[in-house]
Amino acid sequence: MDKQTAAAHVGGGQRTFTSPTVDFSGIGYTGVTPPDTVGDVGPDHFIQAVNGGTNIRIWDKATPTPNLLTSFNLDSLGTGACANGLGDPIVIYDRQADRWVLMEFVTSGNDLCVYISQTPDPVSGGWYAYSFVPSSFPDYPKLSVWPTDANGGGGSFVVTANGGVPVHLMERGPMLSGNPAGFMTFNLPGLPGFGFEALTPADIDGPTPPPTGAPAVVMRHRDTEAHGGPAAPGDLLEMWNVDVDWVTTANTMVAPVPSIDVADFSSDLC
C-alpha cells in the first residue's frame, strides 16, 4: 500500500467535516478571473484579499457573525509604482511577531509591494510600506515567514514566483520596525516540460518557532513523466535549504537536500 493511501486509512472509517463555527459572506466578484482569493486569521481579526487592484477587507472575530471593520484597496497604502497595484495578493499573519503582512504586484514594472502592520491592530495601527524590484516579473508570488537566520537575527520573508525559478529574500527584522531592509534573489534550475513554474516556500504553523539559525525551505513537485528525472514508478518532492546571512550576504546559500518520494501522479490536469 502506498504511504499516502496507508495514511488515509489510519484510525479507520471516513473522516468528515463538522458544520463551520462561523459562516459569512466575504468579498464579492470583482470582475477578475481567477479571483485568487486569499485570507488569514489572527487572534482578533480575519483579513481577506481578492485579485484585481487588490481589495482588502478586515473583520473582527465576533460570533456568530463577524463585523466588517474596514475595507480599502491595497495600493492606497503605496507610493510610486505601488500606487497602481494590480493583484495576485498575499495575506499572512506573522504569529511570531504578532503582525500582518500584505503583498501584491503592480500594473507596470516588476515591483513587489509589501506592507507590514506597525502593530498587531491592522485597522488603526498603521502600515510600513516597501517596494522590492526583482529582475523578472513576479507572477503568481507566494510568501512565507521564516523568523530566524544564520546569525540568529530577524529572519526573512521568503517569496517565490514564476519568471524563471526565483527565490526572493526580504530582510524581515528591519521591516518589522519600518527600517531599510535588504533584498536578495537566487535562481534555481527550471524543469523541462513546464511553461509556468513556481516553488512553494515553507511557512510556520503554531506558536513554536524553528530552532535558531535553522534554514528556510522551498519545495516543488517533480512529475518524472513530464519533467524527466528518476524513472517511474514514483514522483518526487524536490527541496532546497535556504541559509540566509544578512550580516555577510555573500555567505547566503540555497542548497538542495534529498528529495521525498511520493506516489506517481499526473501534473497534466487539463
C-alpha atoms as a PDB file:
ATOM      1  CA  MET A   1       0.000   0.000   0.000  1.00  0.00           C
ATOM      2  CA  ASP A   2       1.269   3.484  -0.885  1.00  0.00           C
ATOM      3  CA  LYS A   3       2.306   5.720   2.037  1.00  0.00           C
ATOM      4  CA  GLN A   4      -0.339   8.328   1.262  1.00  0.00           C
ATOM      5  CA  THR A   5      -3.037   5.691   0.822  1.00  0.00           C
ATOM      6  CA  ALA A   6      -1.993   3.997   4.050  1.00  0.00           C
ATOM      7  CA  ALA A   7      -2.161   7.287   5.943  1.00  0.00           C
ATOM      8  CA  ALA A   8      -5.723   7.815   4.755  1.00  0.00           C
ATOM      9  CA  HIS A   9      -6.744   4.538   6.421  1.00  0.00           C
ATOM     10  CA  VAL A  10      -5.143   5.171   9.810  1.00  0.00           C
ATOM     11  CA  GLY A  11      -7.786   5.071  12.528  1.00  0.00           C
ATOM     12  CA  GLY A  12     -10.352   3.507  10.200  1.00  0.00           C
ATOM     13  CA  GLY A  13     -13.577   4.994   8.946  1.00  0.00           C
ATOM     14  CA  GLN A  14     -14.280   8.025   6.798  1.00  0.00           C
ATOM     15  CA  ARG A  15     -13.359  11.436   8.160  1.00  0.00           C
ATOM     16  CA  THR A  16     -15.971  14.150   7.710  1.00  0.00           C
ATOM     17  CA  PHE A  17     -16.152  17.874   8.367  1.00  0.00           C
ATOM     18  CA  THR A  18     -18.383  19.264  11.079  1.00  0.00           C
ATOM     19  CA  SER A  19     -20.539  22.331  10.495  1.00  0.00           C
ATOM     20  CA  PRO A  20     -18.500  25.554  10.374  1.00  0.00           C
ATOM     21  CA  THR A  21     -18.457  27.616  13.549  1.00  0.00           C
ATOM     22  CA  VAL A  22     -18.618  30.849  11.539  1.00  0.00           C
ATOM     23  CA  ASP A  23     -20.086  31.265   8.045  1.00  0.00           C
ATOM     24  CA  PHE A  24     -20.400  34.725   6.473  1.00  0.00           C
ATOM     25  CA  SER A  25     -20.112  36.469   3.110  1.00  0.00           C
ATOM     26  CA  GLY A  26     -16.708  37.769   2.090  1.00  0.00           C
ATOM     27  CA  ILE A  27     -15.677  39.953  -0.844  1.00  0.00           C
ATOM     28  CA  GLY A  28     -17.889  39.569  -3.902  1.00  0.00           C
ATOM     29  CA  TYR A  29     -16.798  39.041  -7.503  1.00  0.00           C
ATOM     30  CA  THR A  30     -14.549  41.904  -8.656  1.00  0.00           C
ATOM     31  CA  GLY A  31     -14.663  41.128 -12.387  1.00  0.00           C
ATOM     32  CA  VAL A  32     -11.230  39.500 -12.376  1.00  0.00           C
ATOM     33  CA  THR A  33     -10.752  35.830 -13.245  1.00  0.00           C
ATOM     34  CA  PRO A  34      -9.275  33.998 -11.427  1.00  0.00           C
ATOM     35  CA  PRO A  35     -10.112  35.918  -8.240  1.00  0.00           C
ATOM     36  CA  ASP A  36      -7.087  34.464  -6.372  1.00  0.00           C
ATOM     37  CA  THR A  37      -8.977  34.803  -3.106  1.00  0.00           C
ATOM     38  CA  VAL A  38      -6.710  34.630  -0.049  1.00  0.00           C
ATOM     39  CA  GLY A  39      -7.003  35.340   3.656  1.00  0.00           C
ATOM     40  CA  ASP A  40      -5.546  34.673   7.066  1.00  0.00           C
ATOM     41  CA  VAL A  41      -6.723  34.746  10.644  1.00  0.00           C
ATOM     42  CA  GLY A  42      -5.081  36.227  13.730  1.00  0.00           C
ATOM     43  CA  PRO A  43      -6.063  36.484  17.396  1.00  0.00           C
ATOM     44  CA  ASP A  44      -8.613  39.252  16.827  1.00  0.00           C
ATOM     45  CA  HIS A  45      -9.019  39.728  13.067  1.00  0.00           C
ATOM     46  CA  PHE A  46      -9.608  37.999   9.752  1.00  0.00           C
ATOM     47  CA  ILE A  47      -8.241  39.663   6.597  1.00  0.00           C
ATOM     48  CA  GLN A  48      -9.350  38.730   3.081  1.00  0.00           C
ATOM     49  CA  ALA A  49      -7.961  39.909  -0.267  1.00  0.00           C
ATOM     50  CA  VAL A  50      -9.180  39.425  -3.843  1.00  0.00           C
ATOM     51  CA  ASN A  51      -7.389  39.876  -7.151  1.00  0.00           C
ATOM     52  CA  GLY A  52      -7.611  42.974  -9.317  1.00  0.00           C
ATOM     53  CA  GLY A  53      -6.173  46.178  -7.788  1.00  0.00           C
ATOM     54  CA  THR A  54      -6.315  44.198  -4.592  1.00  0.00           C
ATOM     55  CA  ASN A  55      -9.380  44.789  -2.457  1.00  0.00           C
ATOM     56  CA  ILE A  56      -8.816  44.259   1.284  1.00  0.00           C
ATOM     57  CA  ARG A  57     -11.469  43.670   3.921  1.00  0.00           C
ATOM     58  CA  ILE A  58     -10.847  43.243   7.636  1.00  0.00           C
ATOM     59  CA  TRP A  59     -13.334  41.691  10.065  1.00  0.00           C
ATOM     60  CA  ASP A  60     -13.270  41.081  13.783  1.00  0.00           C
ATOM     61  CA  LYS A  61     -13.924  37.565  15.108  1.00  0.00           C
ATOM     62  CA  ALA A  62     -17.314  38.166  16.706  1.00  0.00           C
ATOM     63  CA  THR A  63     -19.679  35.204  16.680  1.00  0.00           C
ATOM     64  CA  PRO A  64     -21.947  34.176  15.148  1.00  0.00           C
ATOM     65  CA  THR A  65     -21.321  36.928  12.577  1.00  0.00           C
ATOM     66  CA  PRO A  66     -18.035  38.882  12.380  1.00  0.00           C
ATOM     67  CA  ASN A  67     -18.226  42.654  11.971  1.00  0.00           C
ATOM     68  CA  LEU A  68     -16.664  44.289   8.928  1.00  0.00           C
ATOM     69  CA  LEU A  69     -14.230  46.840  10.371  1.00  0.00           C
ATOM     70  CA  THR A  70     -12.691  48.382   7.253  1.00  0.00           C
ATOM     71  CA  SER A  71     -12.294  47.950   3.506  1.00  0.00           C
ATOM     72  CA  PHE A  72      -9.712  49.520   1.192  1.00  0.00           C
ATOM     73  CA  ASN A  73      -7.654  48.975  -1.935  1.00  0.00           C
ATOM     74  CA  LEU A  74      -4.155  47.804  -1.122  1.00  0.00           C
ATOM     75  CA  ASP A  75      -2.469  50.322  -3.425  1.00  0.00           C
ATOM     76  CA  SER A  76      -3.898  53.144  -1.287  1.00  0.00           C
ATOM     77  CA  LEU A  77      -1.017  52.316   1.085  1.00  0.00           C
ATOM     78  CA  GLY A  78       1.630  52.595  -1.640  1.00  0.00           C
ATOM     79  CA  THR A  79       3.577  55.270  -3.490  1.00  0.00           C
ATOM     80  CA  GLY A  80       5.355  55.303  -6.852  1.00  0.00           C
ATOM     81  CA  ALA A  81       4.703  52.126  -8.831  1.00  0.00           C
ATOM     82  CA  CYS A  82       2.957  50.645  -5.800  1.00  0.00           C
ATOM     83  CA  ALA A  83       0.232  53.305  -6.059  1.00  0.00           C
ATOM     84  CA  ASN A  84      -1.023  51.287  -9.053  1.00  0.00           C
ATOM     85  CA  GLY A  85      -1.323  47.766  -7.711  1.00  0.00           C
ATOM     86  CA  LEU A  86      -2.580  45.020  -9.994  1.00  0.00           C
ATOM     87  CA  GLY A  87      -3.157  41.927  -7.890  1.00  0.00           C
ATOM     88  CA  ASP A  88      -2.112  38.364  -7.057  1.00  0.00           C
ATOM     89  CA  PRO A  89      -2.493  39.328  -3.398  1.00  0.00           C
ATOM     90  CA  ILE A  90      -0.927  37.697  -0.359  1.00  0.00           C
ATOM     91  CA  VAL A  91      -2.224  37.910   3.224  1.00  0.00           C
ATOM     92  CA  ILE A  92      -0.100  36.429   6.024  1.00  0.00           C
ATOM     93  CA  TYR A  93      -0.409  36.695   9.796  1.00  0.00           C
ATOM     94  CA  ASP A  94       3.137  36.625  11.227  1.00  0.00           C
ATOM     95  CA  ARG A  95       2.420  34.851  14.501  1.00  0.00           C
ATOM     96  CA  GLN A  96       5.949  35.145  15.859  1.00  0.00           C
ATOM     97  CA  ALA A  97       5.878  38.954  15.568  1.00  0.00           C
ATOM     98  CA  ASP A  98       2.097  39.417  16.000  1.00  0.00           C
ATOM     99  CA  ARG A  99       1.983  41.449  12.778  1.00  0.00           C
ATOM    100  CA  TRP A 100       0.217  41.314   9.424  1.00  0.00           C
ATOM    101  CA  VAL A 101       1.925  41.092   6.026  1.00  0.00           C
ATOM    102  CA  LEU A 102       0.192  42.064   2.770  1.00  0.00           C
ATOM    103  CA  MET A 103       1.679  41.914  -0.731  1.00  0.00           C
ATOM    104  CA  GLU A 104       0.766  42.387  -4.400  1.00  0.00           C
ATOM    105  CA  PHE A 105       2.466  43.172  -7.709  1.00  0.00           C
ATOM    106  CA  VAL A 106       1.935  46.282  -9.825  1.00  0.00           C
ATOM    107  CA  THR A 107       0.306  47.332 -13.087  1.00  0.00           C
ATOM    108  CA  SER A 108       3.576  48.383 -14.748  1.00  0.00           C
ATOM    109  CA  GLY A 109       7.007  47.103 -13.715  1.00  0.00           C
ATOM    110  CA  ASN A 110       8.337  44.261 -11.591  1.00  0.00           C
ATOM    111  CA  ASP A 111       7.714  45.751  -8.150  1.00  0.00           C
ATOM    112  CA  LEU A 112       6.612  43.596  -5.253  1.00  0.00           C
ATOM    113  CA  CYS A 113       4.704  45.872  -2.883  1.00  0.00           C
ATOM    114  CA  VAL A 114       4.865  44.686   0.722  1.00  0.00           C
ATOM    115  CA  TYR A 115       3.026  46.179   3.689  1.00  0.00           C
ATOM    116  CA  ILE A 116       3.745  45.329   7.336  1.00  0.00           C
ATOM    117  CA  SER A 117       1.322  46.326  10.074  1.00  0.00           C
ATOM    118  CA  GLN A 118       3.053  48.594  12.580  1.00  0.00           C
ATOM    119  CA  THR A 119       1.161  46.993  15.468  1.00  0.00           C
ATOM    120  CA  PRO A 120      -0.994  43.890  15.952  1.00  0.00           C
ATOM    121  CA  ASP A 121      -4.004  46.064  15.006  1.00  0.00           C
ATOM    122  CA  PRO A 122      -4.377  46.089  11.189  1.00  0.00           C
ATOM    123  CA  VAL A 123      -7.280  48.541  11.321  1.00  0.00           C
ATOM    124  CA  SER A 124      -5.877  51.568  13.143  1.00  0.00           C
ATOM    125  CA  GLY A 125      -2.233  50.720  13.872  1.00  0.00           C
ATOM    126  CA  GLY A 126      -0.778  51.916  10.552  1.00  0.00           C
ATOM    127  CA  TRP A 127       1.404  50.197   7.940  1.00  0.00           C
ATOM    128  CA  TYR A 128       5.044  50.204   6.849  1.00  0.00           C
ATOM    129  CA  ALA A 129       5.350  50.156   3.040  1.00  0.00           C
ATOM    130  CA  TYR A 130       8.130  48.554   0.981  1.00  0.00           C
ATOM    131  CA  SER A 131       8.838  48.077  -2.704  1.00  0.00           C
ATOM    132  CA  PHE A 132      11.302  45.448  -3.937  1.00  0.00           C
ATOM    133  CA  VAL A 133      12.081  45.109  -7.647  1.00  0.00           C
ATOM    134  CA  PRO A 134      13.118  41.677  -8.976  1.00  0.00           C
ATOM    135  CA  SER A 135      14.765  41.402 -12.399  1.00  0.00           C
ATOM    136  CA  SER A 136      11.771  39.480 -13.809  1.00  0.00           C
ATOM    137  CA  PHE A 137       8.036  39.943 -13.380  1.00  0.00           C
ATOM    138  CA  PRO A 138       6.990  38.102 -10.179  1.00  0.00           C
ATOM    139  CA  ASP A 139       3.858  36.399 -11.438  1.00  0.00           C
ATOM    140  CA  TYR A 140       1.891  34.178  -9.042  1.00  0.00           C
ATOM    141  CA  PRO A 141       4.016  35.096  -5.982  1.00  0.00           C
ATOM    142  CA  LYS A 142       3.903  33.127  -2.741  1.00  0.00           C
ATOM    143  CA  LEU A 143       5.244  34.419   0.596  1.00  0.00           C
ATOM    144  CA  SER A 144       6.250  32.685   3.811  1.00  0.00           C
ATOM    145  CA  VAL A 145       7.530  33.903   7.170  1.00  0.00           C
ATOM    146  CA  TRP A 146      10.834  32.434   8.365  1.00  0.00           C
ATOM    147  CA  PRO A 147      11.697  34.152  11.667  1.00  0.00           C
ATOM    148  CA  THR A 148      15.358  33.158  12.042  1.00  0.00           C
ATOM    149  CA  ASP A 149      18.573  33.220  10.006  1.00  0.00           C
ATOM    150  CA  ALA A 150      22.190  32.068  10.138  1.00  0.00           C
ATOM    151  CA  ASN A 151      23.082  34.735  12.717  1.00  0.00           C
ATOM    152  CA  GLY A 152      20.019  34.232  14.878  1.00  0.00           C
ATOM    153  CA  GLY A 153      18.606  37.513  13.573  1.00  0.00           C
ATOM    154  CA  GLY A 154      15.133  38.523  12.491  1.00  0.00           C
ATOM    155  CA  GLY A 155      14.895  36.090   9.606  1.00  0.00           C
ATOM    156  CA  SER A 156      13.321  36.594   6.214  1.00  0.00           C
ATOM    157  CA  PHE A 157      10.156  36.861   4.259  1.00  0.00           C
ATOM    158  CA  VAL A 158      10.702  34.208   1.576  1.00  0.00           C
ATOM    159  CA  VAL A 159       8.966  34.884  -1.753  1.00  0.00           C
ATOM    160  CA  THR A 160       8.742  32.589  -4.763  1.00  0.00           C
ATOM    161  CA  ALA A 161       7.190  33.368  -8.142  1.00  0.00           C
ATOM    162  CA  ASN A 162       7.034  32.457 -11.802  1.00  0.00           C
ATOM    163  CA  GLY A 163       9.505  34.170 -14.144  1.00  0.00           C
ATOM    164  CA  GLY A 164      12.405  31.743 -14.040  1.00  0.00           C
ATOM    165  CA  VAL A 165      12.558  29.831 -10.753  1.00  0.00           C
ATOM    166  CA  PRO A 166      13.453  32.618  -8.302  1.00  0.00           C
ATOM    167  CA  VAL A 167      13.734  32.633  -4.534  1.00  0.00           C
ATOM    168  CA  HIS A 168      13.447  36.217  -3.264  1.00  0.00           C
ATOM    169  CA  LEU A 169      14.537  37.045   0.283  1.00  0.00           C
ATOM    170  CA  MET A 170      13.365  40.137   2.185  1.00  0.00           C
ATOM    171  CA  GLU A 171      15.069  41.121   5.444  1.00  0.00           C
ATOM    172  CA  ARG A 172      12.297  40.637   7.980  1.00  0.00           C
ATOM    173  CA  GLY A 173      13.882  42.160  11.119  1.00  0.00           C
ATOM    174  CA  PRO A 174      14.196  45.759   9.871  1.00  0.00           C
ATOM    175  CA  MET A 175      10.835  45.556   8.098  1.00  0.00           C
ATOM    176  CA  LEU A 176       9.063  44.952  11.407  1.00  0.00           C
ATOM    177  CA  SER A 177      10.391  48.349  12.530  1.00  0.00           C
ATOM    178  CA  GLY A 178       9.947  50.231   9.250  1.00  0.00           C
ATOM    179  CA  ASN A 179      13.708  50.467   8.621  1.00  0.00           C
ATOM    180  CA  PRO A 180      15.610  49.959   5.337  1.00  0.00           C
ATOM    181  CA  ALA A 181      15.756  46.256   4.526  1.00  0.00           C
ATOM    182  CA  GLY A 182      17.900  44.009   2.362  1.00  0.00           C
ATOM    183  CA  PHE A 183      16.704  42.052  -0.666  1.00  0.00           C
ATOM    184  CA  MET A 184      18.358  39.076  -2.381  1.00  0.00           C
ATOM    185  CA  THR A 185      17.365  36.784  -5.251  1.00  0.00           C
ATOM    186  CA  PHE A 186      18.574  33.287  -6.130  1.00  0.00           C
ATOM    187  CA  ASN A 187      17.518  31.483  -9.306  1.00  0.00           C
ATOM    188  CA  LEU A 188      17.168  27.708  -9.278  1.00  0.00           C
ATOM    189  CA  PRO A 189      17.247  25.439 -12.345  1.00  0.00           C
ATOM    190  CA  GLY A 190      13.936  25.017 -14.114  1.00  0.00           C
ATOM    191  CA  LEU A 191      12.249  21.775 -15.088  1.00  0.00           C
ATOM    192  CA  PRO A 192      11.661  20.670 -18.699  1.00  0.00           C
ATOM    193  CA  GLY A 193       8.040  20.462 -19.759  1.00  0.00           C
ATOM    194  CA  PHE A 194       6.929  23.399 -17.618  1.00  0.00           C
ATOM    195  CA  GLY A 195       5.677  26.578 -19.270  1.00  0.00           C
ATOM    196  CA  PHE A 196       4.734  28.006 -15.876  1.00  0.00           C
ATOM    197  CA  GLU A 197       6.699  27.081 -12.783  1.00  0.00           C
ATOM    198  CA  ALA A 198       6.970  28.310  -9.205  1.00  0.00           C
ATOM    199  CA  LEU A 199       8.347  26.944  -5.961  1.00  0.00           C
ATOM    200  CA  THR A 200       6.441  26.801  -2.675  1.00  0.00           C
ATOM    201  CA  PRO A 201       8.111  28.298   0.431  1.00  0.00           C
ATOM    202  CA  ALA A 202       7.552  26.506   3.738  1.00  0.00           C
ATOM    203  CA  ASP A 203       5.721  28.521   6.392  1.00  0.00           C
ATOM    204  CA  ILE A 204       5.258  28.010  10.137  1.00  0.00           C
ATOM    205  CA  ASP A 205       2.077  26.746  11.761  1.00  0.00           C
ATOM    206  CA  GLY A 206       1.614  27.028  15.504  1.00  0.00           C
ATOM    207  CA  PRO A 207       3.334  29.048  18.227  1.00  0.00           C
ATOM    208  CA  THR A 208       6.706  27.273  18.249  1.00  0.00           C
ATOM    209  CA  PRO A 209       9.393  28.907  16.078  1.00  0.00           C
ATOM    210  CA  PRO A 210      12.031  26.854  14.270  1.00  0.00           C
ATOM    211  CA  PRO A 211      15.385  26.386  16.027  1.00  0.00           C
ATOM    212  CA  THR A 212      17.604  29.468  15.977  1.00  0.00           C
ATOM    213  CA  GLY A 213      19.593  29.545  12.754  1.00  0.00           C
ATOM    214  CA  ALA A 214      17.509  26.851  11.041  1.00  0.00           C
ATOM    215  CA  PRO A 215      17.341  27.271   7.255  1.00  0.00           C
ATOM    216  CA  ALA A 216      14.155  28.137   5.422  1.00  0.00           C
ATOM    217  CA  VAL A 217      12.863  25.535   2.951  1.00  0.00           C
ATOM    218  CA  VAL A 218      11.409  25.800  -0.558  1.00  0.00           C
ATOM    219  CA  MET A 219       9.851  22.901  -2.441  1.00  0.00           C
ATOM    220  CA  ARG A 220       8.371  21.865  -5.791  1.00  0.00           C
ATOM    221  CA  HIS A 221       6.842  18.702  -7.212  1.00  0.00           C
ATOM    222  CA  ARG A 222       8.571  16.773  -9.990  1.00  0.00           C
ATOM    223  CA  ASP A 223       6.354  14.648 -12.229  1.00  0.00           C
ATOM    224  CA  THR A 224       9.005  12.397 -13.783  1.00  0.00           C
ATOM    225  CA  GLU A 225       6.896  11.584 -16.859  1.00  0.00           C
ATOM    226  CA  ALA A 226       6.511  15.287 -17.643  1.00  0.00           C
ATOM    227  CA  HIS A 227       9.728  16.750 -16.226  1.00  0.00           C
ATOM    228  CA  GLY A 228      12.306  13.976 -16.521  1.00  0.00           C
ATOM    229  CA  GLY A 229      14.385  12.711 -13.632  1.00  0.00           C
ATOM    230  CA  PRO A 230      14.445   9.337 -11.895  1.00  0.00           C
ATOM    231  CA  ALA A 231      12.495   6.571 -13.587  1.00  0.00           C
ATOM    232  CA  ALA A 232       8.924   5.697 -12.622  1.00  0.00           C
ATOM    233  CA  PRO A 233       7.044   4.357 -10.666  1.00  0.00           C
ATOM    234  CA  GLY A 234       7.398   7.288  -8.260  1.00  0.00           C
ATOM    235  CA  ASP A 235       7.394  11.053  -8.477  1.00  0.00           C
ATOM    236  CA  LEU A 236       9.249  13.479  -6.238  1.00  0.00           C
ATOM    237  CA  LEU A 237       9.050  16.483  -3.980  1.00  0.00           C
ATOM    238  CA  GLU A 238      12.290  18.406  -4.503  1.00  0.00           C
ATOM    239  CA  MET A 239      13.525  20.634  -1.680  1.00  0.00           C
ATOM    240  CA  TRP A 240      16.205  23.236  -1.017  1.00  0.00           C
ATOM    241  CA  ASN A 241      17.504  24.678   2.248  1.00  0.00           C
ATOM    242  CA  VAL A 242      17.826  28.464   2.248  1.00  0.00           C
ATOM    243  CA  ASP A 243      20.584  29.514   4.678  1.00  0.00           C
ATOM    244  CA  VAL A 244      20.337  33.296   4.948  1.00  0.00           C
ATOM    245  CA  ASP A 245      23.096  35.531   6.311  1.00  0.00           C
ATOM    246  CA  TRP A 246      22.010  39.167   6.442  1.00  0.00           C
ATOM    247  CA  VAL A 247      25.325  40.232   8.035  1.00  0.00           C
ATOM    248  CA  THR A 248      27.516  38.871   5.226  1.00  0.00           C
ATOM    249  CA  THR A 249      25.102  38.330   2.367  1.00  0.00           C
ATOM    250  CA  ALA A 250      27.741  36.574   0.240  1.00  0.00           C
ATOM    251  CA  ASN A 251      27.503  33.673   2.702  1.00  0.00           C
ATOM    252  CA  THR A 252      23.825  33.076   1.907  1.00  0.00           C
ATOM    253  CA  MET A 253      23.287  29.708   0.226  1.00  0.00           C
ATOM    254  CA  VAL A 254      20.405  27.860  -1.421  1.00  0.00           C
ATOM    255  CA  ALA A 255      21.348  24.174  -1.448  1.00  0.00           C
ATOM    256  CA  PRO A 256      19.409  21.041  -2.474  1.00  0.00           C
ATOM    257  CA  VAL A 257      18.516  18.422   0.121  1.00  0.00           C
ATOM    258  CA  PRO A 258      17.329  14.827  -0.501  1.00  0.00           C
ATOM    259  CA  SER A 259      14.001  14.614  -2.299  1.00  0.00           C
ATOM    260  CA  ILE A 260      10.897  12.923  -0.914  1.00  0.00           C
ATOM    261  CA  ASP A 261       9.430  10.056  -2.947  1.00  0.00           C
ATOM    262  CA  VAL A 262       5.659  10.245  -3.454  1.00  0.00           C
ATOM    263  CA  ALA A 263       3.080   8.171  -5.288  1.00  0.00           C
ATOM    264  CA  ASP A 264       3.018   8.542  -9.052  1.00  0.00           C
ATOM    265  CA  PHE A 265       0.724  11.362 -10.202  1.00  0.00           C
ATOM    266  CA  SER A 266      -0.026  13.344 -13.345  1.00  0.00           C
ATOM    267  CA  SER A 267       0.527  17.100 -13.271  1.00  0.00           C
ATOM    268  CA  ASP A 268      -1.134  17.492 -16.702  1.00  0.00           C
ATOM    269  CA  LEU A 269      -4.538  18.454 -15.366  1.00  0.00           C
ATOM    270  CA  CYS A 270      -6.200  19.810 -18.495  1.00  0.00           C
END
